[in-house]
Amino acid sequence: MLHQKLNKLRQLLGNMESVLVAFSGGIDSTLVLKAAHDALGDRALAVTAVSPTFPEIELEWTRRLVAEIGARHRIVQTDQLQVPAFVQNDAGRCFHCKTDLYQLLGSLQQELKMGAVVDGTNLDDLGD
């Protein structure tokens, strides 16, 4: 059953012209990047957003993972500390951070003329 789901993911991604993968280096975005790269090759681009809240060691980890997969990788700068709603550090901080991130990724998608922005969001993330 797991292989069927993975094949379905590759098929869905393969039907897209190209994808920009929001890549944090976590297990979910790594799975999506690997499937996207398997399905689309160089038409899949990993994008990692770096900010003052993103540790350098995690950036190095993302670079290693992307290199191991063989995908293209782009690092973009962002600064959630400039987003007042994020700085308030309330229960909605993940929402505010992701809103800021996806605005940036949407602009990059248009600039690069990529078909879609995809990520590793799953049922466990719906409260974020």
N, C-alpha and C. Protein backbone atom coordinates (compact mmCIF):
# COMPACT_ATOMS: atom_id res chain seq x y z
N MET A 1 0.82 -1.19 0.00
CA MET A 1 0.00 0.00 0.00
C MET A 1 0.87 1.26 0.00
N LEU A 2 1.97 1.26 0.75
CA LEU A 2 2.85 2.41 0.80
C LEU A 2 3.45 2.70 -0.58
N HIS A 3 3.85 1.64 -1.29
CA HIS A 3 4.40 1.82 -2.63
C HIS A 3 3.36 2.41 -3.58
N GLN A 4 2.11 2.00 -3.41
CA GLN A 4 1.03 2.55 -4.24
C GLN A 4 0.86 4.05 -4.00
N LYS A 5 0.93 4.45 -2.74
CA LYS A 5 0.79 5.87 -2.41
C LYS A 5 1.96 6.68 -2.95
N LEU A 6 3.16 6.14 -2.84
CA LEU A 6 4.33 6.82 -3.37
C LEU A 6 4.25 6.93 -4.89
N ASN A 7 3.82 5.87 -5.54
CA ASN A 7 3.65 5.92 -7.00
C ASN A 7 2.59 6.93 -7.40
N LYS A 8 1.52 7.02 -6.62
CA LYS A 8 0.46 8.01 -6.89
C LYS A 8 1.02 9.43 -6.75
N LEU A 9 1.83 9.66 -5.73
CA LEU A 9 2.46 10.97 -5.55
C LEU A 9 3.34 11.31 -6.74
N ARG A 10 4.17 10.36 -7.16
CA ARG A 10 5.03 10.60 -8.34
C ARG A 10 4.19 10.88 -9.58
N GLN A 11 3.09 10.16 -9.73
CA GLN A 11 2.22 10.37 -10.88
C GLN A 11 1.61 11.78 -10.85
N LEU A 12 1.10 12.18 -9.69
CA LEU A 12 0.52 13.52 -9.56
C LEU A 12 1.55 14.60 -9.87
N LEU A 13 2.74 14.45 -9.32
CA LEU A 13 3.79 15.44 -9.58
C LEU A 13 4.25 15.39 -11.03
N GLY A 14 4.31 14.20 -11.59
CA GLY A 14 4.72 14.05 -12.98
C GLY A 14 3.77 14.69 -13.97
N ASN A 15 2.51 14.86 -13.56
CA ASN A 15 1.52 15.52 -14.41
C ASN A 15 1.65 17.03 -14.39
N MET A 16 2.49 17.54 -13.51
CA MET A 16 2.71 18.98 -13.43
C MET A 16 3.86 19.37 -14.36
N GLU A 17 3.77 20.55 -14.91
CA GLU A 17 4.81 21.04 -15.83
C GLU A 17 6.16 21.14 -15.12
N SER A 18 6.14 21.73 -13.96
CA SER A 18 7.33 21.90 -13.13
C SER A 18 6.86 22.25 -11.73
N VAL A 19 7.74 22.02 -10.74
CA VAL A 19 7.35 22.35 -9.37
C VAL A 19 8.50 23.00 -8.62
N LEU A 20 8.10 23.90 -7.76
CA LEU A 20 8.99 24.51 -6.78
C LEU A 20 8.62 23.84 -5.46
N VAL A 21 9.56 23.16 -4.84
CA VAL A 21 9.29 22.43 -3.60
C VAL A 21 9.77 23.26 -2.41
N ALA A 22 8.85 23.64 -1.53
CA ALA A 22 9.23 24.32 -0.29
C ALA A 22 9.99 23.30 0.55
N PHE A 23 11.30 23.50 0.68
CA PHE A 23 12.15 22.46 1.26
C PHE A 23 12.80 22.91 2.56
N SER A 24 12.36 22.30 3.66
CA SER A 24 12.90 22.63 4.98
C SER A 24 13.99 21.65 5.41
N GLY A 25 14.05 20.51 4.75
CA GLY A 25 14.97 19.47 5.16
C GLY A 25 14.34 18.46 6.10
N GLY A 26 13.06 18.67 6.43
CA GLY A 26 12.34 17.70 7.26
C GLY A 26 11.94 16.49 6.44
N ILE A 27 11.43 15.49 7.10
CA ILE A 27 11.10 14.24 6.42
C ILE A 27 10.00 14.43 5.37
N ASP A 28 9.01 15.28 5.67
CA ASP A 28 7.90 15.45 4.74
C ASP A 28 8.34 16.15 3.45
N SER A 29 9.07 17.26 3.58
CA SER A 29 9.49 17.96 2.37
C SER A 29 10.57 17.17 1.63
N THR A 30 11.34 16.35 2.34
CA THR A 30 12.33 15.51 1.68
C THR A 30 11.65 14.44 0.83
N LEU A 31 10.59 13.84 1.35
CA LEU A 31 9.83 12.86 0.58
C LEU A 31 9.24 13.50 -0.68
N VAL A 32 8.66 14.69 -0.52
CA VAL A 32 8.06 15.37 -1.68
C VAL A 32 9.14 15.73 -2.70
N LEU A 33 10.28 16.24 -2.24
CA LEU A 33 11.36 16.58 -3.17
C LEU A 33 11.85 15.35 -3.92
N LYS A 34 12.05 14.26 -3.22
CA LYS A 34 12.53 13.03 -3.87
C LYS A 34 11.53 12.56 -4.92
N ALA A 35 10.25 12.56 -4.58
CA ALA A 35 9.22 12.14 -5.53
C ALA A 35 9.16 13.10 -6.71
N ALA A 36 9.26 14.40 -6.45
CA ALA A 36 9.22 15.39 -7.53
C ALA A 36 10.43 15.24 -8.44
N HIS A 37 11.59 15.03 -7.85
CA HIS A 37 12.80 14.85 -8.67
C HIS A 37 12.71 13.55 -9.48
N ASP A 38 12.20 12.49 -8.88
CA ASP A 38 12.01 11.23 -9.61
C ASP A 38 11.08 11.43 -10.81
N ALA A 39 10.03 12.21 -10.60
CA ALA A 39 9.01 12.39 -11.65
C ALA A 39 9.39 13.44 -12.68
N LEU A 40 10.09 14.49 -12.25
CA LEU A 40 10.30 15.65 -13.13
C LEU A 40 11.76 15.97 -13.42
N GLY A 41 12.67 15.34 -12.72
CA GLY A 41 14.08 15.65 -12.93
C GLY A 41 14.37 17.12 -12.64
N ASP A 42 15.05 17.79 -13.58
CA ASP A 42 15.44 19.19 -13.38
C ASP A 42 14.27 20.16 -13.41
N ARG A 43 13.08 19.67 -13.67
CA ARG A 43 11.90 20.55 -13.61
C ARG A 43 11.35 20.66 -12.19
N ALA A 44 12.06 20.05 -11.24
CA ALA A 44 11.74 20.20 -9.81
C ALA A 44 12.87 21.01 -9.18
N LEU A 45 12.50 22.02 -8.42
CA LEU A 45 13.47 22.89 -7.77
C LEU A 45 13.17 22.96 -6.28
N ALA A 46 14.14 22.59 -5.46
CA ALA A 46 14.00 22.74 -4.00
C ALA A 46 14.32 24.19 -3.65
N VAL A 47 13.48 24.78 -2.81
CA VAL A 47 13.73 26.14 -2.34
C VAL A 47 13.69 26.14 -0.82
N THR A 48 14.79 26.60 -0.24
CA THR A 48 14.89 26.70 1.21
C THR A 48 14.94 28.17 1.59
N ALA A 49 14.04 28.58 2.45
CA ALA A 49 14.01 29.96 2.94
C ALA A 49 14.85 30.05 4.20
N VAL A 50 15.79 30.97 4.19
CA VAL A 50 16.70 31.16 5.31
C VAL A 50 16.38 32.48 5.99
N SER A 51 16.30 32.43 7.30
CA SER A 51 15.99 33.62 8.09
C SER A 51 16.81 33.58 9.38
N PRO A 52 16.74 34.64 10.18
CA PRO A 52 17.45 34.61 11.46
C PRO A 52 16.99 33.48 12.39
N THR A 53 15.81 32.93 12.14
CA THR A 53 15.30 31.84 12.98
C THR A 53 15.67 30.46 12.45
N PHE A 54 16.41 30.40 11.34
CA PHE A 54 16.77 29.13 10.71
C PHE A 54 18.25 28.85 11.00
N PRO A 55 18.56 27.87 11.83
CA PRO A 55 19.95 27.60 12.21
C PRO A 55 20.82 27.20 11.01
N GLU A 56 22.06 27.66 11.02
CA GLU A 56 23.02 27.36 9.95
C GLU A 56 23.20 25.85 9.77
N ILE A 57 23.20 25.10 10.85
CA ILE A 57 23.38 23.65 10.74
C ILE A 57 22.23 23.01 9.95
N GLU A 58 21.03 23.56 10.08
CA GLU A 58 19.89 23.04 9.30
C GLU A 58 20.03 23.39 7.83
N LEU A 59 20.60 24.55 7.53
CA LEU A 59 20.86 24.91 6.14
C LEU A 59 21.85 23.93 5.52
N GLU A 60 22.90 23.62 6.25
CA GLU A 60 23.87 22.64 5.75
C GLU A 60 23.21 21.29 5.52
N TRP A 61 22.30 20.91 6.41
CA TRP A 61 21.57 19.65 6.27
C TRP A 61 20.74 19.66 4.99
N THR A 62 20.04 20.78 4.72
CA THR A 62 19.23 20.84 3.50
C THR A 62 20.12 20.70 2.27
N ARG A 63 21.27 21.35 2.30
CA ARG A 63 22.19 21.26 1.15
C ARG A 63 22.63 19.81 0.91
N ARG A 64 22.94 19.11 1.98
CA ARG A 64 23.37 17.71 1.84
C ARG A 64 22.25 16.82 1.30
N LEU A 65 21.05 17.01 1.83
CA LEU A 65 19.92 16.20 1.36
C LEU A 65 19.63 16.44 -0.12
N VAL A 66 19.61 17.70 -0.51
CA VAL A 66 19.32 18.02 -1.91
C VAL A 66 20.40 17.44 -2.82
N ALA A 67 21.65 17.55 -2.41
CA ALA A 67 22.75 16.98 -3.20
C ALA A 67 22.61 15.47 -3.31
N GLU A 68 22.23 14.82 -2.23
CA GLU A 68 22.06 13.36 -2.25
C GLU A 68 20.93 12.96 -3.20
N ILE A 69 19.87 13.74 -3.22
CA ILE A 69 18.75 13.47 -4.13
C ILE A 69 19.14 13.78 -5.57
N GLY A 70 20.01 14.77 -5.74
CA GLY A 70 20.45 15.16 -7.08
C GLY A 70 19.61 16.28 -7.67
N ALA A 71 18.85 16.95 -6.83
CA ALA A 71 17.95 18.00 -7.32
C ALA A 71 18.65 19.36 -7.35
N ARG A 72 18.01 20.28 -8.04
CA ARG A 72 18.47 21.68 -8.03
C ARG A 72 18.00 22.30 -6.72
N HIS A 73 18.74 23.32 -6.25
CA HIS A 73 18.43 23.92 -4.95
C HIS A 73 18.66 25.42 -5.02
N ARG A 74 17.74 26.15 -4.47
CA ARG A 74 17.88 27.60 -4.39
C ARG A 74 17.61 28.02 -2.95
N ILE A 75 18.47 28.90 -2.45
CA ILE A 75 18.32 29.45 -1.11
C ILE A 75 17.78 30.87 -1.26
N VAL A 76 16.73 31.19 -0.51
CA VAL A 76 16.18 32.55 -0.53
C VAL A 76 16.18 33.10 0.89
N GLN A 77 16.32 34.39 0.99
CA GLN A 77 16.35 35.06 2.29
C GLN A 77 14.96 35.55 2.66
N THR A 78 14.61 35.38 3.90
CA THR A 78 13.37 35.92 4.44
C THR A 78 13.65 36.33 5.89
N ASP A 79 12.74 37.07 6.47
CA ASP A 79 12.95 37.49 7.85
C ASP A 79 11.61 37.59 8.56
N GLN A 80 11.21 36.48 9.17
CA GLN A 80 9.93 36.47 9.89
C GLN A 80 9.93 37.45 11.05
N LEU A 81 11.09 37.85 11.53
CA LEU A 81 11.15 38.80 12.64
C LEU A 81 10.66 40.18 12.22
N GLN A 82 10.47 40.39 10.93
CA GLN A 82 9.89 41.63 10.43
C GLN A 82 8.37 41.54 10.29
N VAL A 83 7.82 40.38 10.61
CA VAL A 83 6.37 40.17 10.54
C VAL A 83 5.81 40.32 11.96
N PRO A 84 5.13 41.46 12.23
CA PRO A 84 4.66 41.71 13.60
C PRO A 84 3.83 40.57 14.19
N ALA A 85 2.96 39.96 13.40
CA ALA A 85 2.11 38.88 13.92
C ALA A 85 2.95 37.67 14.32
N PHE A 86 4.06 37.42 13.64
CA PHE A 86 4.95 36.32 14.01
C PHE A 86 5.68 36.64 15.31
N VAL A 87 6.15 37.87 15.43
CA VAL A 87 6.91 38.29 16.61
C VAL A 87 6.07 38.23 17.88
N GLN A 88 4.76 38.40 17.75
CA GLN A 88 3.89 38.31 18.92
C GLN A 88 3.97 36.94 19.58
N ASN A 89 4.40 35.93 18.81
CA ASN A 89 4.63 34.58 19.32
C ASN A 89 3.38 33.96 19.94
N ASP A 90 2.24 34.23 19.31
CA ASP A 90 1.00 33.63 19.81
C ASP A 90 0.77 32.28 19.14
N ALA A 91 -0.37 31.70 19.37
CA ALA A 91 -0.67 30.37 18.83
C ALA A 91 -0.69 30.35 17.30
N GLY A 92 -0.85 31.51 16.66
CA GLY A 92 -0.90 31.57 15.20
C GLY A 92 0.43 31.85 14.54
N ARG A 93 1.54 31.79 15.29
CA ARG A 93 2.84 32.16 14.72
C ARG A 93 3.22 31.29 13.52
N CYS A 94 2.90 30.00 13.56
CA CYS A 94 3.22 29.13 12.41
C CYS A 94 2.43 29.56 11.18
N PHE A 95 1.18 29.93 11.37
CA PHE A 95 0.36 30.42 10.27
C PHE A 95 0.98 31.68 9.67
N HIS A 96 1.39 32.61 10.51
CA HIS A 96 1.95 33.87 10.02
C HIS A 96 3.28 33.64 9.31
N CYS A 97 4.08 32.76 9.85
CA CYS A 97 5.36 32.42 9.23
C CYS A 97 5.14 31.79 7.86
N LYS A 98 4.21 30.84 7.79
CA LYS A 98 3.94 30.16 6.52
C LYS A 98 3.30 31.10 5.50
N THR A 99 2.47 32.03 5.96
CA THR A 99 1.87 33.01 5.05
C THR A 99 2.97 33.85 4.42
N ASP A 100 3.90 34.32 5.22
CA ASP A 100 5.03 35.10 4.72
C ASP A 100 5.86 34.28 3.74
N LEU A 101 6.14 33.04 4.11
CA LEU A 101 6.93 32.15 3.26
C LEU A 101 6.25 31.91 1.91
N TYR A 102 4.96 31.62 1.92
CA TYR A 102 4.29 31.29 0.66
C TYR A 102 4.06 32.51 -0.22
N GLN A 103 4.04 33.69 0.35
CA GLN A 103 4.02 34.90 -0.48
C GLN A 103 5.34 35.00 -1.23
N LEU A 104 6.44 34.74 -0.54
CA LEU A 104 7.76 34.75 -1.17
C LEU A 104 7.86 33.66 -2.24
N LEU A 105 7.42 32.46 -1.91
CA LEU A 105 7.49 31.35 -2.88
C LEU A 105 6.60 31.60 -4.09
N GLY A 106 5.44 32.21 -3.87
CA GLY A 106 4.55 32.54 -4.99
C GLY A 106 5.20 33.53 -5.94
N SER A 107 5.89 34.51 -5.40
CA SER A 107 6.60 35.48 -6.24
C SER A 107 7.72 34.79 -7.02
N LEU A 108 8.44 33.91 -6.34
CA LEU A 108 9.52 33.18 -7.00
C LEU A 108 8.97 32.26 -8.08
N GLN A 109 7.84 31.63 -7.81
CA GLN A 109 7.19 30.76 -8.80
C GLN A 109 6.89 31.55 -10.07
N GLN A 110 6.34 32.73 -9.92
CA GLN A 110 6.03 33.56 -11.09
C GLN A 110 7.29 33.99 -11.81
N GLU A 111 8.29 34.42 -11.05
CA GLU A 111 9.56 34.87 -11.64
C GLU A 111 10.21 33.76 -12.46
N LEU A 112 10.21 32.54 -11.93
CA LEU A 112 10.86 31.41 -12.60
C LEU A 112 9.94 30.67 -13.56
N LYS A 113 8.67 31.10 -13.60
CA LYS A 113 7.67 30.46 -14.46
C LYS A 113 7.54 28.96 -14.15
N MET A 114 7.47 28.65 -12.87
CA MET A 114 7.29 27.27 -12.43
C MET A 114 5.80 26.96 -12.41
N GLY A 115 5.45 25.71 -12.65
CA GLY A 115 4.06 25.32 -12.74
C GLY A 115 3.30 25.35 -11.42
N ALA A 116 3.95 24.96 -10.33
CA ALA A 116 3.25 24.88 -9.04
C ALA A 116 4.24 24.98 -7.89
N VAL A 117 3.72 25.36 -6.74
CA VAL A 117 4.47 25.30 -5.49
C VAL A 117 3.90 24.13 -4.69
N VAL A 118 4.76 23.23 -4.26
CA VAL A 118 4.32 22.08 -3.47
C VAL A 118 5.14 22.02 -2.18
N ASP A 119 4.60 21.32 -1.21
CA ASP A 119 5.29 21.18 0.07
C ASP A 119 4.92 19.85 0.72
N GLY A 120 5.43 19.65 1.91
CA GLY A 120 5.18 18.39 2.61
C GLY A 120 4.08 18.47 3.64
N THR A 121 3.21 19.48 3.54
CA THR A 121 2.13 19.60 4.50
C THR A 121 1.25 18.35 4.47
N ASN A 122 0.92 17.86 5.65
CA ASN A 122 0.06 16.68 5.74
C ASN A 122 -0.94 16.88 6.87
N LEU A 123 -1.75 15.91 7.10
CA LEU A 123 -2.84 16.01 8.08
C LEU A 123 -2.36 16.46 9.46
N ASP A 124 -1.18 16.02 9.86
CA ASP A 124 -0.65 16.41 11.16
C ASP A 124 -0.37 17.90 11.27
N ASP A 125 -0.22 18.58 10.13
CA ASP A 125 0.14 20.00 10.10
C ASP A 125 -1.05 20.94 10.06
N LEU A 126 -2.25 20.43 9.99
CA LEU A 126 -3.41 21.29 9.76
C LEU A 126 -3.65 22.31 10.87
N GLY A 127 -3.16 22.09 12.05
CA GLY A 127 -3.33 23.05 13.12
C GLY A 127 -2.33 24.20 13.09
N ASP A 128 -1.34 24.12 12.23
CA ASP A 128 -0.30 25.16 12.16
C ASP A 128 -0.77 26.41 11.46
